[in-house]
Protein backbone atom coordinates (compact mmCIF):
# COMPACT_ATOMS: atom_id res chain seq x y z
CA MET A 1 80.91 -52.65 -98.72
CA THR A 2 78.98 -49.41 -98.76
CA ILE A 3 77.54 -46.91 -96.35
CA GLU A 4 74.92 -44.43 -97.37
CA SER A 5 75.41 -40.81 -96.39
CA LEU A 6 73.03 -38.47 -98.09
CA GLY A 7 73.58 -34.85 -99.00
CA GLY A 8 72.59 -32.00 -101.25
CA HIS A 9 74.43 -28.71 -101.51
CA HIS A 10 73.45 -25.37 -103.03
CA PRO A 11 71.95 -22.67 -100.75
CA HIS A 12 75.36 -20.96 -100.14
CA VAL A 13 74.75 -20.98 -96.38
CA ILE A 14 75.09 -23.65 -93.72
CA GLN A 15 72.11 -25.87 -93.04
CA ALA A 16 72.39 -28.05 -89.95
CA PRO A 17 72.98 -31.77 -90.57
CA GLU A 18 70.46 -34.31 -89.29
CA CYS A 19 70.27 -38.01 -88.57
CA ILE A 20 67.46 -39.42 -90.75
CA HIS A 21 66.54 -43.10 -90.59
CA GLY A 22 69.83 -43.75 -88.82
CA LYS A 23 71.96 -42.13 -91.54
CA PRO A 24 73.79 -38.79 -91.54
CA VAL A 25 72.40 -36.16 -93.89
CA PHE A 26 74.30 -32.99 -94.75
CA PHE A 27 71.91 -30.57 -96.45
CA SER A 28 74.32 -27.73 -97.22
CA LEU A 29 77.95 -27.12 -96.32
CA GLY A 30 78.00 -23.47 -97.29
CA ASN A 31 80.48 -21.95 -99.74
CA HIS A 32 84.11 -22.46 -98.67
CA VAL A 33 85.66 -20.66 -101.66
CA PHE A 34 83.35 -17.98 -103.00
CA ASP A 35 83.29 -14.20 -103.24
CA GLN A 36 79.80 -13.39 -101.99
CA LYS A 37 79.73 -10.42 -99.64
CA TYR A 38 76.91 -11.47 -97.29
CA LEU A 39 78.06 -12.40 -93.78
CA GLU A 40 76.08 -15.64 -93.73
CA THR A 41 77.94 -16.87 -96.82
CA LYS A 42 81.28 -16.44 -95.05
CA GLU A 43 80.52 -19.30 -92.66
CA SER A 44 81.03 -22.83 -94.00
CA MET A 45 81.32 -26.39 -92.81
CA ILE A 46 83.40 -29.46 -93.70
CA ALA A 47 81.75 -32.86 -93.31
CA ASP A 48 84.18 -35.00 -91.33
CA CYS A 49 83.17 -38.67 -91.72
CA ARG A 50 85.35 -41.57 -90.61
CA LEU A 51 85.05 -45.34 -90.29
CA HIS A 52 85.55 -46.78 -86.80
CA ASP A 53 84.87 -50.42 -85.97
CA ARG A 54 83.00 -50.76 -89.28
CA HIS A 55 80.66 -47.89 -88.37
CA LEU A 56 80.49 -44.42 -89.91
CA LEU A 57 80.96 -41.54 -87.50
CA CYS A 58 80.33 -38.00 -88.75
CA SER A 59 80.81 -34.53 -87.35
CA SER A 60 81.41 -31.08 -88.82
CA ILE A 61 84.40 -28.73 -88.93
CA ARG A 62 83.51 -25.05 -89.19
CA THR A 63 85.39 -22.61 -91.44
CA HIS A 64 85.21 -18.83 -91.66
CA THR A 65 86.16 -16.38 -94.40
CA GLU A 66 87.06 -12.82 -93.42
CA PRO A 67 85.19 -9.93 -95.12
CA GLY A 68 86.96 -8.87 -98.31
CA SER A 69 88.55 -12.30 -98.71
CA TYR A 70 87.53 -15.51 -100.43
CA VAL A 71 90.04 -17.80 -98.66
CA PRO A 72 88.49 -19.82 -95.78
CA GLU A 73 90.27 -20.60 -92.53
CA LEU A 74 89.40 -23.04 -89.78
CA ALA A 75 87.09 -21.38 -87.29
CA ASP A 76 87.65 -21.49 -83.55
CA SER A 77 86.13 -24.67 -82.15
CA ASP A 78 82.97 -24.30 -80.12
CA THR A 79 83.13 -26.85 -77.33
CA THR A 80 79.61 -25.98 -76.20
CA SER A 81 77.95 -27.03 -79.45
CA ALA A 82 76.54 -30.54 -79.43
CA ASN A 83 77.16 -32.73 -82.45
CA PRO A 84 73.69 -33.48 -83.93
CA LEU A 85 75.15 -36.63 -85.51
CA ALA A 86 76.78 -37.99 -82.32
CA GLY A 87 74.37 -40.93 -82.11
CA CYS A 88 74.15 -41.47 -85.85
CA SER A 89 76.55 -44.30 -86.77
CA PRO A 90 75.32 -46.59 -89.56
CA ALA A 91 77.24 -49.83 -90.04
CA GLU A 92 78.89 -50.99 -93.22
CA THR A 93 76.63 -53.19 -95.28
CA PRO A 94 77.91 -56.71 -96.03
CA SER A 95 79.79 -57.20 -99.27
CA LEU A 96 77.71 -58.36 -102.22
CA GLN A 97 78.65 -62.02 -102.63
CA ILE A 98 77.27 -63.91 -105.62
CA GLY A 99 78.51 -66.88 -107.64
CA GLY A 100 81.56 -67.16 -105.39
CA TYR A 101 82.67 -63.60 -106.15
CA GLU A 102 82.64 -60.40 -104.14
CA ILE A 103 81.12 -57.72 -106.39
CA ARG A 104 82.69 -54.27 -106.09
CA PRO A 105 82.58 -51.07 -108.15
CA GLU A 106 85.88 -50.33 -109.81
CA PRO A 107 87.80 -47.83 -107.63
CA TRP A 108 88.03 -44.28 -108.92
CA THR A 109 91.32 -43.29 -110.51
CA PRO A 110 92.24 -39.90 -112.02
CA GLY A 111 92.75 -41.24 -115.55
CA ALA A 112 89.71 -43.53 -115.68
CA SER A 113 86.63 -42.71 -117.72
CA GLN A 114 83.79 -41.22 -115.71
CA ASP A 115 81.23 -42.55 -118.17
CA GLY A 116 79.33 -45.06 -116.07
CA ILE A 117 80.47 -47.58 -113.46
CA ALA A 118 82.42 -50.80 -113.99
CA LEU A 119 81.68 -53.75 -111.70
CA THR A 120 84.54 -56.03 -110.73
CA GLY A 121 84.57 -59.56 -109.30
CA TRP A 122 87.02 -60.52 -106.56
CA LYS A 123 88.04 -63.86 -105.10
CA ASP A 124 90.78 -64.55 -102.53
CA GLY A 125 91.74 -60.88 -102.55
CA THR A 126 92.39 -60.80 -106.31
CA MET A 127 90.29 -59.21 -109.04
CA GLN A 128 89.13 -61.97 -111.38
CA TRP A 129 87.14 -59.96 -113.91
CA ARG A 130 86.00 -56.47 -114.84
CA ALA A 131 82.67 -55.77 -116.55
CA PRO A 132 82.27 -52.98 -119.15
CA ARG A 133 81.22 -49.60 -117.84
CA ARG A 134 77.46 -49.04 -117.70
CA ASN A 135 75.19 -46.30 -116.44
CA LEU A 136 74.24 -48.16 -113.26
CA LEU A 137 71.58 -46.75 -110.94
CA SER A 138 71.36 -49.61 -108.43
CA VAL A 139 72.67 -53.15 -107.93
CA ASP A 140 70.58 -55.71 -106.05
CA PHE A 141 70.50 -59.50 -105.93
CA GLY A 142 68.32 -62.38 -104.80
CA ARG A 143 67.22 -65.95 -105.38
CA LEU A 144 64.72 -64.92 -108.02
CA ALA A 145 64.13 -68.48 -109.24
CA GLY A 146 63.31 -69.90 -105.80
CA ALA A 147 64.91 -70.59 -102.44
CA ASP A 148 67.07 -73.42 -103.83
CA SER A 149 68.30 -71.48 -106.86
CA ASP A 150 71.49 -69.52 -107.41
CA SER A 151 71.34 -65.80 -106.74
CA LEU A 152 70.98 -63.46 -109.69
CA LEU A 153 71.93 -59.81 -110.03
CA PHE A 154 69.03 -57.39 -110.51
CA ILE A 155 70.44 -54.13 -111.86
CA LEU A 156 68.75 -50.89 -112.80
CA GLU A 157 70.53 -49.15 -115.67
CA ARG A 158 69.75 -45.95 -117.52
CA HIS A 159 69.46 -46.18 -121.31
CA GLN A 160 67.76 -44.60 -124.28
CA SER A 161 65.20 -46.93 -125.88
CA SER A 162 63.56 -46.76 -129.30
CA LEU A 163 60.48 -48.45 -127.81
CA ASP A 164 59.38 -45.49 -125.69
CA GLN A 165 61.79 -42.81 -126.96
CA GLU A 166 62.96 -42.13 -123.40
CA ASP A 167 66.29 -42.05 -121.63
CA ALA A 168 64.98 -43.89 -118.59
CA VAL A 169 65.36 -46.65 -115.99
CA ARG A 170 65.78 -50.15 -117.47
CA PRO A 171 65.85 -53.39 -115.41
CA TYR A 172 68.41 -56.11 -116.17
CA VAL A 173 68.95 -59.61 -114.76
CA TYR A 174 72.44 -61.17 -114.77
CA ALA A 175 73.96 -64.43 -113.65
CA VAL A 176 77.61 -64.27 -112.55
CA GLY A 177 80.29 -66.54 -114.01
CA GLU A 178 84.07 -66.75 -114.19
CA HIS A 179 84.17 -64.01 -116.84
CA GLY A 180 81.69 -61.66 -115.18
CA PRO A 181 77.97 -60.87 -115.49
CA ILE A 182 75.99 -62.98 -117.98
CA ALA A 183 72.83 -61.31 -119.29
CA ARG A 184 69.71 -63.37 -118.60
CA TRP A 185 67.04 -60.76 -119.30
CA ARG A 186 66.53 -57.11 -120.04
CA GLY A 187 63.32 -55.14 -120.25
CA SER A 188 62.26 -51.70 -121.37
CA ALA A 189 60.65 -50.99 -117.98
CA LEU A 190 58.79 -54.15 -116.95
CA ALA A 191 55.15 -53.38 -117.73
CA TRP A 192 54.98 -49.63 -117.11
CA PRO A 193 57.47 -46.72 -117.04
CA LEU A 194 59.77 -47.61 -114.15
CA LEU A 195 60.94 -45.25 -111.42
CA ASP A 196 62.59 -47.65 -108.98
CA ALA A 197 62.66 -51.33 -108.05
CA THR A 198 64.20 -53.57 -105.42
CA VAL A 199 64.42 -57.28 -104.60
CA ASP A 200 62.29 -58.54 -101.71
CA GLN A 201 64.72 -61.04 -100.20
CA SER A 202 62.09 -62.99 -98.27
CA SER A 203 60.05 -63.86 -101.36
CA GLY A 204 62.53 -63.47 -104.20
CA THR A 205 60.17 -61.10 -105.99
CA ILE A 206 60.71 -57.66 -107.50
CA CYS A 207 58.97 -54.71 -105.85
CA ALA A 208 58.59 -51.98 -108.46
CA LEU A 209 57.54 -48.34 -108.34
CA HIS A 210 56.09 -47.09 -111.65
CA ARG A 211 54.86 -43.82 -113.05
CA GLY A 212 51.09 -43.60 -113.23
CA ASP A 213 51.00 -43.41 -117.02
CA SER A 214 51.60 -46.26 -119.47
CA PHE A 215 53.36 -47.00 -122.76
CA LEU A 216 49.98 -46.86 -124.51
CA VAL A 217 49.10 -43.42 -123.15
CA PRO A 218 52.45 -41.85 -122.16
CA ASP A 219 52.56 -38.85 -119.86
CA LYS A 220 56.07 -38.03 -118.65
CA ASP A 221 54.68 -35.34 -116.34
CA SER A 222 52.37 -37.76 -114.56
CA GLY A 223 52.36 -37.03 -110.84
CA THR A 224 50.80 -40.36 -109.88
CA THR A 225 52.58 -43.60 -109.15
CA ARG A 226 51.67 -47.26 -108.80
CA THR A 227 53.42 -50.24 -107.24
CA ALA A 228 53.60 -53.70 -108.76
CA VAL A 229 55.19 -57.01 -107.84
CA TYR A 230 56.90 -59.35 -110.30
CA ARG A 231 58.13 -62.92 -110.06
CA TRP A 232 60.94 -64.31 -112.23
CA ASN A 233 59.75 -67.17 -114.47
CA GLY A 234 63.12 -68.13 -115.96
CA PHE A 235 62.91 -66.00 -119.08
CA GLY A 236 61.06 -62.91 -117.91
CA PHE A 237 58.74 -61.60 -115.20
CA SER A 238 55.11 -62.30 -114.38
CA GLY A 239 52.79 -60.41 -112.03
CA ALA A 240 52.75 -61.67 -108.43
CA GLU A 241 49.79 -60.17 -106.61
CA ASP A 242 50.17 -62.49 -103.59
CA VAL A 243 52.94 -60.37 -102.06
CA GLY A 244 51.78 -56.96 -103.25
CA GLU A 245 50.79 -55.74 -99.80
CA ARG A 246 54.28 -56.22 -98.36
CA CYS A 247 56.02 -54.59 -101.33
CA ALA A 248 53.63 -51.63 -101.28
CA HIS A 249 55.01 -50.73 -97.84
CA SER A 250 58.65 -51.05 -98.97
CA MET A 251 58.40 -48.52 -101.80
CA PRO A 252 58.03 -44.72 -101.44
């Protein structure tokens, strides 16, 4: 089960959080422990996010560092300040269930390798298998072979390829069995250099966002993009123009 909470930190000063598309976004928390002398850099913020009734509730805790010091302390609470995230409480997403297993990322532990992410399969509260670590970018699933078919995993991984000489996004399709994911297909980037892709659950197709260049005339700095729709044919993907309009609206 996952909840998205976006953030990006660097400006050294507080930037107010916002609720965007129903999800809390912390743009910058300030410094906390730093020796800059400017007064603005002495004010910081801690993102306080907690689960309650399967919803994420976020607020902020202010800290202050005295001039001449680099050790922050909790600032006096300001009861007059409204919490901009008070009405921003996204719910947990349902667990990814496929092939009778609940798919989870392996929990972080201090001694574990940080090279990639290992997926694990759980049944009846017990881990049944653990997949090798891979550089996973996203994990999606769907009935790619039709409404009456078993669900398949559609995973975006990042790999170097000798075909295009790029370290880039690569799509993979896996079935799930008693020993873990079973590779059914892998591609360099479908038909064009891939930026992102997702499964359209209503049609079982893949909505893909590509760079505007191609393998024949590569241009890594291309600022244009194109969307395409693909349908699983059992051993690969074919174009599916019939649902292109819907997928075009689902991709950035």
